Protein backbone atom coordinates (compact mmCIF):
# COMPACT_ATOMS: atom_id res chain seq x y z
CA MET A 1 -42.05 -22.01 -96.48
CA ARG A 2 -41.19 -18.99 -94.36
CA ILE A 3 -38.07 -16.92 -95.12
CA PRO A 4 -36.24 -16.00 -91.89
CA LEU A 5 -35.96 -12.37 -90.84
CA PHE A 6 -32.21 -12.61 -91.45
CA ALA A 7 -32.84 -13.42 -95.13
CA ALA A 8 -35.13 -10.42 -95.42
CA ALA A 9 -32.47 -8.23 -93.84
CA LEU A 10 -29.96 -9.64 -96.31
CA LEU A 11 -32.12 -8.61 -99.28
CA ALA A 12 -32.49 -5.12 -97.84
CA LEU A 13 -28.72 -4.81 -97.41
CA LEU A 14 -28.11 -5.96 -100.96
CA LEU A 15 -30.54 -3.35 -102.30
CA ALA A 16 -28.82 -0.69 -100.22
CA ALA A 17 -25.31 -1.83 -101.11
CA PRO A 18 -24.26 1.21 -103.21
CA ALA A 19 -25.34 3.60 -100.47
CA LEU A 20 -23.35 1.65 -97.88
CA GLY A 21 -20.18 1.76 -99.95
CA PHE A 22 -20.02 -1.87 -101.07
CA ALA A 23 -21.50 -3.99 -103.81
CA PRO A 24 -21.95 -7.72 -104.30
CA ALA A 25 -19.45 -9.40 -106.59
CA ARG A 26 -22.23 -11.50 -108.13
CA ALA A 27 -25.95 -12.01 -107.87
CA ALA A 28 -26.92 -13.79 -104.66
CA LYS A 29 -28.35 -17.29 -104.94
CA PRO A 30 -32.12 -17.33 -104.43
CA VAL A 31 -33.71 -19.08 -101.46
CA PRO A 32 -33.93 -22.76 -102.47
CA GLU A 33 -36.96 -25.03 -102.50
CA THR A 34 -36.52 -28.21 -100.46
CA THR A 35 -38.44 -31.46 -100.74
CA ALA A 36 -38.16 -32.48 -97.08
CA ALA A 37 -41.19 -31.80 -94.90
CA SER A 38 -39.02 -29.87 -92.43
CA ALA A 39 -35.71 -28.16 -93.03
CA VAL A 40 -33.43 -25.68 -91.33
CA LEU A 41 -30.02 -24.20 -92.11
CA ILE A 42 -27.99 -22.51 -89.38
CA ASP A 43 -24.59 -20.93 -88.97
CA ALA A 44 -22.74 -23.49 -86.84
CA LYS A 45 -20.81 -20.79 -84.97
CA THR A 46 -23.65 -18.39 -84.17
CA GLY A 47 -26.81 -20.48 -84.39
CA GLU A 48 -28.28 -17.87 -86.77
CA VAL A 49 -31.17 -19.40 -88.75
CA LEU A 50 -30.51 -18.87 -92.46
CA TYR A 51 -33.33 -21.01 -93.83
CA ASP A 52 -36.53 -22.29 -92.25
CA LYS A 53 -39.14 -24.66 -93.58
CA ASP A 54 -41.43 -25.80 -90.76
CA MET A 55 -38.36 -26.11 -88.56
CA HIS A 56 -40.47 -26.30 -85.38
CA ALA A 57 -42.83 -29.02 -86.69
CA VAL A 58 -42.71 -32.02 -84.33
CA ARG A 59 -41.54 -35.17 -86.12
CA TYR A 60 -39.96 -38.56 -85.52
CA PRO A 61 -36.17 -38.24 -85.61
CA ALA A 62 -35.15 -41.84 -86.32
CA SER A 63 -31.35 -42.16 -85.90
CA LEU A 64 -30.81 -38.41 -85.68
CA THR A 65 -31.45 -39.25 -82.02
CA LYS A 66 -27.90 -40.59 -81.97
CA VAL A 67 -26.48 -37.09 -82.30
CA MET A 68 -27.57 -36.53 -78.71
CA THR A 69 -26.45 -39.99 -77.60
CA GLY A 70 -23.06 -39.35 -79.19
CA LEU A 71 -22.74 -35.94 -77.57
CA LEU A 72 -23.47 -37.33 -74.11
CA THR A 73 -20.99 -40.14 -74.75
CA VAL A 74 -18.07 -37.78 -75.43
CA GLU A 75 -19.17 -35.55 -72.54
CA ARG A 76 -19.74 -38.28 -69.95
CA LEU A 77 -17.53 -41.28 -70.76
CA PRO A 78 -13.78 -41.75 -71.02
CA LEU A 79 -13.51 -43.23 -74.51
CA ASP A 80 -10.88 -45.73 -73.41
CA LYS A 81 -13.20 -47.21 -70.79
CA LEU A 82 -13.86 -50.94 -71.25
CA VAL A 83 -17.56 -51.82 -71.39
CA THR A 84 -18.94 -55.33 -70.80
CA ILE A 85 -22.17 -56.03 -72.68
CA ASP A 86 -25.09 -57.24 -70.53
CA ALA A 87 -27.63 -59.94 -71.32
CA GLU A 88 -30.38 -57.64 -72.68
CA THR A 89 -28.51 -55.27 -75.04
CA PRO A 90 -27.88 -57.89 -77.81
CA PHE A 91 -31.64 -58.19 -78.34
CA THR A 92 -32.04 -54.52 -79.36
CA LYS A 93 -34.11 -54.19 -82.52
CA GLY A 94 -33.19 -52.54 -85.81
CA SER A 95 -29.75 -51.62 -87.11
CA ARG A 96 -27.03 -53.18 -84.95
CA ILE A 97 -23.55 -54.66 -84.84
CA TYR A 98 -24.77 -57.81 -83.05
CA LEU A 99 -23.03 -57.33 -79.74
CA LEU A 100 -22.89 -60.46 -77.58
CA GLU A 101 -23.46 -60.93 -73.88
CA GLY A 102 -20.12 -60.66 -72.08
CA GLU A 103 -18.39 -59.02 -75.04
CA GLN A 104 -15.87 -56.40 -74.00
CA VAL A 105 -15.53 -53.29 -76.14
CA THR A 106 -14.29 -49.78 -75.42
CA ALA A 107 -16.59 -46.80 -75.20
CA GLU A 108 -14.80 -45.44 -78.28
CA GLN A 109 -15.60 -48.55 -80.30
CA LEU A 110 -19.24 -48.32 -79.27
CA PHE A 111 -19.22 -44.62 -80.09
CA TYR A 112 -17.96 -45.23 -83.64
CA ALA A 113 -20.44 -48.07 -84.08
CA LEU A 114 -23.12 -45.57 -83.06
CA MET A 115 -21.99 -42.78 -85.39
CA VAL A 116 -20.71 -44.73 -88.42
CA GLU A 117 -22.80 -47.92 -88.47
CA SER A 118 -25.79 -46.33 -86.67
CA ALA A 119 -25.92 -49.32 -84.33
CA ASN A 120 -28.94 -49.37 -82.02
CA ASP A 121 -27.37 -51.94 -79.70
CA ALA A 122 -24.27 -49.73 -79.32
CA ALA A 123 -26.58 -46.85 -78.36
CA VAL A 124 -28.20 -48.97 -75.65
CA ALA A 125 -24.82 -50.15 -74.33
CA LEU A 126 -23.59 -46.56 -74.08
CA ALA A 127 -26.80 -45.38 -72.43
CA LYS A 128 -26.59 -48.07 -69.77
CA GLU A 129 -22.91 -47.41 -69.15
CA ILE A 130 -23.61 -43.69 -68.61
CA SER A 131 -26.89 -43.78 -66.70
CA GLY A 132 -27.59 -47.38 -65.65
CA THR A 133 -30.84 -47.68 -67.59
CA THR A 134 -32.13 -46.38 -70.92
CA GLU A 135 -34.99 -44.64 -69.11
CA THR A 136 -32.63 -42.67 -66.90
CA PHE A 137 -30.48 -41.89 -69.92
CA ALA A 138 -33.53 -40.57 -71.81
CA ALA A 139 -34.18 -38.14 -68.96
CA LEU A 140 -30.55 -36.99 -69.24
CA MET A 141 -30.99 -36.56 -73.00
CA ASN A 142 -34.04 -34.35 -72.51
CA SER A 143 -32.36 -32.26 -69.82
CA ARG A 144 -29.31 -31.67 -72.01
CA ALA A 145 -31.50 -30.85 -75.02
CA THR A 146 -33.29 -28.16 -73.03
CA GLU A 147 -29.95 -26.69 -71.95
CA LEU A 148 -28.95 -26.43 -75.62
CA GLY A 149 -32.08 -24.53 -76.62
CA ALA A 150 -34.31 -27.36 -77.84
CA LEU A 151 -37.95 -26.32 -77.69
CA HIS A 152 -40.08 -29.32 -78.66
CA THR A 153 -37.98 -32.41 -77.99
CA ASN A 154 -38.90 -35.52 -76.02
CA PHE A 155 -36.51 -38.46 -76.23
CA VAL A 156 -37.68 -41.86 -74.99
CA ASN A 157 -34.75 -44.02 -76.07
CA PRO A 158 -31.07 -43.54 -77.07
CA ASN A 159 -31.33 -44.82 -80.64
CA GLY A 160 -34.46 -43.46 -82.32
CA LEU A 161 -36.54 -46.60 -82.51
CA GLU A 162 -40.11 -45.58 -83.23
CA HIS A 163 -42.22 -44.53 -80.26
CA ASP A 164 -45.25 -42.25 -80.27
CA GLU A 165 -43.67 -39.93 -77.70
CA HIS A 166 -40.13 -39.96 -79.13
CA VAL A 167 -40.19 -36.70 -81.10
CA THR A 168 -38.17 -33.61 -81.92
CA THR A 169 -37.85 -30.90 -84.58
CA ALA A 170 -35.37 -29.91 -87.26
CA TYR A 171 -34.49 -26.81 -85.27
CA ASP A 172 -33.88 -28.76 -82.06
CA ILE A 173 -31.62 -31.29 -83.79
CA ALA A 174 -29.66 -28.39 -85.33
CA ARG A 175 -29.10 -26.90 -81.87
CA ILE A 176 -27.90 -30.25 -80.51
CA ALA A 177 -25.66 -30.84 -83.54
CA MET A 178 -24.19 -27.36 -83.19
CA GLU A 179 -22.95 -28.19 -79.70
CA ALA A 180 -21.83 -31.70 -80.66
CA MET A 181 -19.67 -30.45 -83.53
CA ARG A 182 -17.75 -28.24 -81.10
CA ASN A 183 -16.37 -31.40 -79.51
CA PRO A 184 -13.27 -32.64 -81.39
CA ALA A 185 -13.97 -36.32 -80.68
CA PHE A 186 -17.54 -36.05 -81.94
CA ARG A 187 -16.46 -34.03 -84.99
CA LYS A 188 -13.92 -36.67 -85.95
CA ALA A 189 -16.45 -39.49 -85.72
CA ALA A 190 -19.10 -37.52 -87.61
CA ALA A 191 -16.76 -37.26 -90.63
CA THR A 192 -15.51 -40.86 -90.51
CA TYR A 193 -16.53 -43.04 -93.48
CA PRO A 194 -14.87 -46.42 -92.89
CA TYR A 195 -14.20 -47.66 -89.36
CA THR A 196 -12.67 -50.95 -88.24
CA LEU A 197 -13.71 -52.50 -84.94
CA GLU A 198 -10.85 -54.79 -84.05
CA GLN A 199 -11.33 -58.33 -82.78
CA THR A 200 -12.88 -58.54 -79.31
CA ASN A 201 -12.99 -61.34 -76.76
CA LYS A 202 -16.16 -62.63 -78.47
CA GLN A 203 -16.03 -61.68 -82.17
CA GLU A 204 -13.75 -61.23 -85.16
CA THR A 205 -12.85 -57.85 -86.73
CA ARG A 206 -15.83 -55.89 -88.08
CA TYR A 207 -15.92 -53.12 -90.70
CA PHE A 208 -18.37 -50.20 -90.66
CA TYR A 209 -19.26 -47.69 -93.39
CA ASN A 210 -20.99 -44.35 -92.90
CA GLY A 211 -24.38 -43.96 -94.52
CA ASN A 212 -23.94 -40.22 -95.11
CA ARG A 213 -23.43 -40.07 -98.89
CA LEU A 214 -22.25 -36.46 -98.73
CA LEU A 215 -18.97 -37.82 -97.34
CA TYR A 216 -18.15 -40.33 -100.06
CA ASP A 217 -20.69 -41.04 -102.84
CA GLU A 218 -19.23 -40.10 -106.23
CA LYS A 219 -21.29 -42.72 -108.07
CA HIS A 220 -24.84 -41.54 -107.50
CA THR A 221 -25.88 -38.11 -108.77
CA VAL A 222 -28.53 -35.48 -108.23
CA VAL A 223 -29.64 -32.70 -110.56
CA TYR A 224 -28.66 -29.33 -109.14
CA GLU A 225 -29.35 -26.12 -111.07
CA GLY A 226 -30.09 -28.11 -114.22
CA ALA A 227 -26.89 -30.17 -114.17
CA SER A 228 -26.09 -33.62 -112.84
CA ARG A 229 -23.52 -33.73 -110.05
CA PRO A 230 -22.22 -36.38 -107.61
CA ILE A 231 -23.79 -36.53 -104.17
CA LYS A 232 -20.39 -36.28 -102.50
CA TYR A 233 -19.96 -32.73 -101.23
CA ALA A 234 -16.36 -31.56 -101.02
CA ASP A 235 -16.97 -29.33 -98.00
CA ALA A 236 -18.95 -31.90 -95.98
CA THR A 237 -17.85 -32.48 -92.37
CA GLY A 238 -20.64 -34.84 -91.11
CA ILE A 239 -22.98 -35.58 -89.32
CA LYS A 240 -25.71 -38.30 -89.16
CA THR A 241 -28.40 -39.98 -91.22
CA GLY A 242 -31.63 -41.59 -90.06
CA TYR A 243 -34.53 -43.59 -91.42
CA THR A 244 -37.66 -45.35 -90.26
CA SER A 245 -40.88 -45.95 -92.15
CA LEU A 246 -42.66 -43.28 -90.09
CA ALA A 247 -39.82 -40.75 -89.97
CA GLY A 248 -38.81 -41.10 -93.62
CA ASN A 249 -35.29 -40.12 -94.60
CA CYS A 250 -33.65 -37.73 -92.14
CA LEU A 251 -30.27 -36.02 -92.29
CA ALA A 252 -28.23 -33.76 -90.07
CA ALA A 253 -25.41 -32.51 -92.30
CA SER A 254 -22.57 -30.05 -91.87
CA ALA A 255 -20.15 -28.38 -94.28
CA LYS A 256 -17.27 -25.97 -93.81
CA ARG A 257 -15.85 -23.45 -96.27
CA GLY A 258 -13.18 -21.10 -94.96
CA ASP A 259 -14.25 -19.75 -91.58
CA THR A 260 -17.91 -20.48 -92.26
CA GLU A 261 -19.51 -23.75 -91.18
CA LEU A 262 -23.16 -24.54 -91.75
CA ILE A 263 -25.50 -27.18 -90.34
CA ALA A 264 -28.53 -28.37 -92.28
CA VAL A 265 -31.21 -30.63 -90.82
CA LEU A 266 -33.81 -32.23 -93.07
CA MET A 267 -36.64 -34.44 -91.86
CA GLN A 268 -39.18 -36.64 -93.63
CA ALA A 269 -37.73 -36.68 -97.13
CA GLU A 270 -37.80 -39.32 -99.85
CA GLY A 271 -34.82 -41.11 -101.36
CA LEU A 272 -31.81 -39.20 -102.62
CA ASN A 273 -33.78 -35.94 -102.63
CA ILE A 274 -32.53 -35.38 -99.10
CA TYR A 275 -28.98 -34.95 -100.42
CA LEU A 276 -30.13 -32.56 -103.14
CA ASP A 277 -31.86 -30.57 -100.38
CA ALA A 278 -28.66 -30.49 -98.32
CA ILE A 279 -26.49 -29.42 -101.28
CA SER A 280 -28.99 -26.70 -102.23
CA LEU A 281 -29.04 -25.34 -98.69
CA PHE A 282 -25.26 -25.37 -98.37
CA GLU A 283 -24.72 -23.60 -101.69
CA TYR A 284 -27.32 -21.01 -100.78
CA GLY A 285 -25.78 -20.55 -97.34
CA PHE A 286 -22.16 -20.22 -98.49
CA ASP A 287 -23.06 -17.94 -101.38
CA ASN A 288 -25.12 -15.51 -99.30
CA HIS A 289 -23.60 -15.62 -95.81
CA LYS A 290 -20.32 -15.78 -93.95
CA SER A 291 -19.17 -16.13 -90.36
CA HIS A 292 -16.98 -13.40 -88.89
CA GLN A 293 -15.13 -13.49 -85.60
CA ALA A 294 -15.99 -10.11 -84.16
CA VAL A 295 -14.33 -10.63 -80.78
CA ARG A 296 -11.62 -12.91 -79.41
CA ALA A 297 -11.66 -14.24 -75.87
CA ASP A 298 -9.40 -12.59 -73.27
CA THR A 299 -9.00 -9.36 -75.24
CA PRO A 300 -8.35 -6.37 -72.89
CA GLN A 301 -11.18 -3.83 -72.91
CA GLY A 302 -10.00 -1.12 -70.51
CA GLU A 303 -11.08 -0.76 -66.89
CA VAL A 304 -14.15 -0.42 -64.71
CA ARG A 305 -14.31 1.69 -61.53
CA VAL A 306 -14.45 -0.23 -58.23
CA LYS A 307 -16.15 0.99 -55.06
CA ASN A 308 -14.64 0.15 -51.65
CA GLY A 309 -11.80 -1.83 -53.21
CA THR A 310 -8.10 -1.96 -52.50
CA VAL A 311 -7.70 -0.17 -55.85
CA LYS A 312 -10.00 2.22 -57.69
CA THR A 313 -10.26 0.28 -60.98
CA ALA A 314 -10.18 -3.28 -62.29
CA ALA A 315 -8.97 -4.34 -65.74
CA ILE A 316 -11.62 -6.08 -67.87
CA ARG A 317 -11.47 -8.49 -70.78
CA THR A 318 -13.81 -10.32 -73.13
CA LYS A 319 -15.01 -13.58 -71.60
CA ALA A 320 -15.35 -15.63 -74.81
CA ASP A 321 -14.99 -15.62 -78.57
CA ALA A 322 -17.90 -14.03 -80.39
CA TRP A 323 -18.89 -14.78 -83.97
CA VAL A 324 -21.53 -13.07 -86.05
CA THR A 325 -23.23 -14.00 -89.29
CA LEU A 326 -22.88 -11.44 -92.08
CA PRO A 327 -24.26 -11.18 -95.59
CA ALA A 328 -21.51 -12.36 -97.94
CA SER A 329 -21.20 -8.94 -99.55
CA VAL A 330 -20.73 -7.00 -96.30
CA SER A 331 -17.21 -6.05 -95.25
CA PRO A 332 -16.31 -7.12 -91.70
CA SER A 333 -14.84 -3.63 -91.25
CA LEU A 334 -18.41 -2.35 -90.91
CA VAL A 335 -18.87 -4.33 -87.71
CA THR A 336 -18.48 -2.18 -84.59
CA THR A 337 -18.59 -2.81 -80.86
CA GLU A 338 -20.02 -0.90 -77.93
CA LEU A 339 -19.16 -1.46 -74.25
CA GLN A 340 -21.94 -1.47 -71.69
CA LEU A 341 -20.51 -1.08 -68.19
CA PRO A 342 -21.91 0.20 -64.88
CA LYS A 343 -20.48 3.43 -63.49
CA ARG A 344 -18.77 1.33 -60.86
CA ILE A 345 -18.95 -2.09 -59.23
CA ASP A 346 -18.68 -3.01 -55.57
CA ALA A 347 -15.67 -4.78 -54.10
CA PRO A 348 -14.75 -7.54 -53.62
CA VAL A 349 -14.30 -8.42 -57.30
CA ARG A 350 -13.19 -11.87 -58.44
CA GLU A 351 -11.20 -12.61 -61.59
CA GLY A 352 -13.62 -13.89 -64.24
CA GLN A 353 -16.63 -12.17 -62.63
CA VAL A 354 -18.99 -10.77 -65.26
CA VAL A 355 -19.03 -6.98 -64.95
CA GLY A 356 -20.66 -5.86 -68.21
CA THR A 357 -21.31 -6.67 -71.85
CA MET A 358 -20.07 -5.74 -75.29
CA ARG A 359 -22.63 -5.23 -78.04
CA ILE A 360 -21.64 -6.21 -81.58
CA LEU A 361 -23.28 -3.94 -84.13
CA LEU A 362 -23.73 -3.66 -87.88
CA ASP A 363 -25.10 -0.32 -89.03
CA GLY A 364 -26.60 0.21 -85.56
CA GLU A 365 -28.32 -3.19 -85.47
CA GLU A 366 -27.25 -5.57 -82.72
CA LEU A 367 -25.82 -8.83 -84.06
CA GLY A 368 -24.65 -10.30 -80.78
CA VAL A 369 -23.51 -9.71 -77.23
CA VAL A 370 -20.42 -10.98 -75.41
CA GLU A 371 -19.82 -10.81 -71.67
CA LEU A 372 -17.03 -8.73 -70.15
CA ALA A 373 -15.21 -10.15 -67.14
CA ALA A 374 -12.82 -8.81 -64.53
CA ALA A 375 -9.23 -9.67 -65.42
CA GLU A 376 -8.01 -9.52 -61.80
CA ASP A 377 -9.09 -9.83 -58.19
CA VAL A 378 -9.90 -6.65 -56.25
CA PRO A 379 -10.32 -7.40 -52.51
CA LEU A 380 -12.45 -5.26 -50.22
CA GLY A 381 -10.47 -2.24 -49.13
CA GLY A 382 -9.88 -0.76 -45.69
CA PRO A 383 -11.97 1.93 -43.95
CA LEU A 384 -10.58 4.77 -46.08
CA SER A 385 -11.76 3.05 -49.28
CA ARG A 386 -15.27 4.22 -48.41
CA VAL A 387 -14.19 7.79 -49.10
CA GLY A 388 -12.40 6.89 -52.30
CA ILE A 389 -8.91 6.39 -50.86
CA THR A 390 -7.31 3.19 -52.07
CA ASP A 391 -5.39 0.88 -49.77
CA ARG A 392 -2.18 1.85 -51.54
CA THR A 393 -2.82 5.54 -50.93
CA ALA A 394 -3.98 4.79 -47.38
CA GLY A 395 -0.78 2.86 -46.82
CA LEU A 396 1.26 5.79 -48.12
CA ILE A 397 -0.63 8.18 -45.85
CA LEU A 398 -0.05 5.87 -42.90
CA ARG A 399 3.65 5.67 -43.64
CA ILE A 400 3.83 9.47 -43.90
CA LEU A 401 2.00 9.84 -40.57
CA ILE A 402 4.28 7.31 -38.90
CA ALA A 403 7.33 9.09 -40.30
CA ALA A 404 5.95 12.45 -39.11
CA PHE A 405 5.27 11.01 -35.68
CA LEU A 406 8.78 9.60 -35.46
CA VAL A 407 10.24 12.97 -36.49
CA PHE A 408 8.05 14.68 -33.91
CA LEU A 409 9.10 12.14 -31.29
CA PHE A 410 12.75 12.68 -32.17
CA LEU A 411 12.42 16.45 -32.01
CA ALA A 412 10.46 16.28 -28.75
CA THR A 413 13.07 13.98 -27.22
CA ALA A 414 15.86 16.22 -28.40
CA TYR A 415 14.02 19.23 -26.98
CA VAL A 416 13.57 17.54 -23.61
CA ILE A 417 17.23 16.51 -23.51
CA LEU A 418 18.29 20.01 -24.46
CA LYS A 419 16.03 21.57 -21.83
CA ARG A 420 17.33 19.23 -19.15
CA ARG A 421 20.87 20.08 -20.14
CA GLN A 422 20.08 23.81 -19.98
CA ILE A 423 18.48 23.40 -16.54
CA LYS A 424 21.50 21.53 -15.26
CA GLN A 425 23.82 24.20 -16.65
CA ARG A 426 21.82 27.01 -15.00
CA LYS A 427 21.75 25.10 -11.73
CA ARG A 428 25.51 24.53 -11.91
CA ARG A 429 26.13 28.19 -12.68
CA ARG A 430 23.93 29.23 -9.72
CA GLU A 431 25.77 26.86 -7.45
CA GLU A 432 29.13 28.13 -8.75
CA ARG A 433 27.99 31.73 -8.19
CA ARG A 434 26.80 30.94 -4.64
CA ALA A 435 30.13 29.22 -3.94
CA ARG A 436 32.05 32.18 -5.33
CA LEU A 437 29.97 34.61 -3.29
CA ALA A 438 30.45 32.49 -0.19
CA GLU A 439 34.23 32.38 -0.79
CA GLU A 440 34.35 36.13 -1.27
CA GLU A 441 32.29 36.59 1.89
CA ARG A 442 34.65 34.33 3.80
CA LYS A 443 37.72 36.19 2.53
CA HIS A 444 36.12 39.51 3.38
CA GLU A 445 35.29 38.33 6.87
CA GLU A 446 38.82 37.01 7.34
CA PHE A 447 40.33 40.33 6.15
CA ARG A 448 38.07 42.24 8.44
CA ARG A 449 39.11 40.13 11.44
CA ASN A 450 42.84 40.43 10.63
CA TRP A 451 43.05 44.18 10.00
CA LEU A 452 40.46 45.72 12.13
């Protein structure tokens, strides 16, 4: 067994606790020993690996396959859709609910038959409804698994019936389950113990019971830390069991305590030991770790400078929630954040566009990164934006220039009118003076003629 780097960091933090100003309330639980051939424990919110025992070893998944089939069902099918069973599906091997040709059931009923009763024929019916054929559906399963971070998975069928090439790993199933449990419809089904499939056009009412003993079994016990205890785990929230002769007992289990939810995947175990393994991992995980929401989505984070935009800056916000996994003894107040933004970004900017990142730190060590997005549109600015003048300022300048021009035009017009008036007045005065002089000349000439 290999202890993850996170566990080693945890031990270092515990040893340094007094120097950091905090101390554990009790001794941390030791790393457990598990009987399953492969095991992994992750934080369901962050994906942080808290325990690893050959988690990348390639194994047969049995009905853990149905975690992926269930996820694709809630992602791809309206659950109220009516499905008509074809002629081939009723002959599916293994665990089944004995669907009949021509039987009409909803996608939701098939989904619960898949998750609660682990029905192989329901898996085939869902696969055909989504993709047309099980082969095409298997390709979809593999594509989606890769998107979710699976590294060594190759699905051949939707139900987990044994096939040499139908393989995965504990780690890959944990990654798939992590995404599936984020879907409310899947989460509800994963925690359902009894389910009633009402009468259909072909069959009477049927009753299904979940095989995951962590959800219900108070009769059978396991010995944990020297004491006998029921298998039922009070904090259990799902997810799926599996078994074939080659795969052995397999379990993808989840449990939630407070804000912390954990996912454990165990493969190739024997008998009830698989539940002891799950309980041991959960107790270790909850005792030594906790999930902390370091950042909430859509939280304002200031502004970033914009080049050639209608404005000089754009408001930014966090793009998504961000959780981190902390040692149980560490105060969340020690978590810090650091913005990483360019000096400026080029316009145009679209709302939601990623413009930077926020680092989440604990004592200088990066725990996670969340994207920062523009909170508003910033269109490309006018010509003056290239010299740092915003469209608003350019508009103000233009209005000032127009006002100045109008004032100038008014003054110039007034000046011209005044000048014309002055010219007319001078001309009138000259004409009046000439007339007066002419009148005086006439009177003088008349006097001269009369008296001389």
